């Protein structure tokens, strides 16, 4: 109810096109649902609320493309404006498009608010006498929700390099191929994230997972990856909160995430080079050393200026490199996963087997992720 009242207060006094009114009625219906719902068992309520989050997410995804579609209408209106010298209609259309553009973010906020209710309910239940024996019990189901922010496929023909998507939050790929191709969801990328899960998967089935808690809460991935100057940030502390690997998982000896320990580090710039995601358990090049020897996700040799993400060319960009000790200029080529790299050939890069796709999920509240064998989706719920 408080969330709805706050949203109504923000939009008070603005024009109410029919879609905007429908959107408010949708939110009002949700508020009424919460206030009028009969009491339920805590576990049932939490599960029903989690299903509600999934339904809201489906509705939100339908709204994502609407601003772009309406922009075409806006262009037609602008053409008429140039002929009539009357800008009122165009200004109203622009204001309406901006409202539509904000709707998915509003719904994402609602999802986060519901998740907080779930979390609060679980915390309250932890101290209840649920078995009627006069003693508190800890045998209570707790659920958390994760959202897919990025997927990396190092052999799909698209190179996710140091300057691709990470800092400008551009959407990449489609929801339909989110777990088979390179993918970035700009809405998830710009929402606050306190926990991050890096998941290696085989055709959408979890192979290995690590979960970390960010040292600084309340910041989005977009904010964190924009922070390139000076960069070189160790963004978690205490190592992974969760590390689960399937018994039959292969290629673990030099995996950039699962063969080394330590914490996550972002935007590791050194000399003219940079890597977006690395682990402190691997070798991290000093800032002024041009050795091409820090390996992880989204690497770029000779990217010109890793403090800004500026690139002279993409010849030495590469998506995933394995853990190795191969310093330039005494050693080459660099061992990669897959085939996604710049135009430099075998003298610089050695293509290799794909160990899996790597998905990046984020959550504001959940600190556990479904383990090996779980089937992935855009939104993941984990109860434990």
Foldseek 3Di string as FASTA:
>chain_A
DVLLVVVCVVCPPPDQDPVNVVLNVVVVVVVCCVVVPDDDDLVVVLVVLVVVLVVLLVVLVVLQCVLVVLVVVLVVVVVVCVVVVDCPVSVVSVVVSVVSNCSSLSSVVVSQVSQVVLQVSLVVQQQDPVPPPPHGDNPTKGKFKKFFFWKADQAPQAFQALQHCQQVLDFDDDQVCRFPHTTGDSSQQFFWFQKKKKFFDAVQFGAKIFMFGFPDGGGGSNVLQQQVVVFFDQGGPDWTPDIFGDPPQDDQCWAQPRNFTATWGALQAACQKTAGIGGPRADRDPRDDQWLQGFAARIARRQPDSSRSHRPDFQFTGGGFTGDGATPPVGDATEGEHDRGHNDDRRHYDYDHHSGMIIMMGGNDDRDADHGRDGDHRMGMDMD
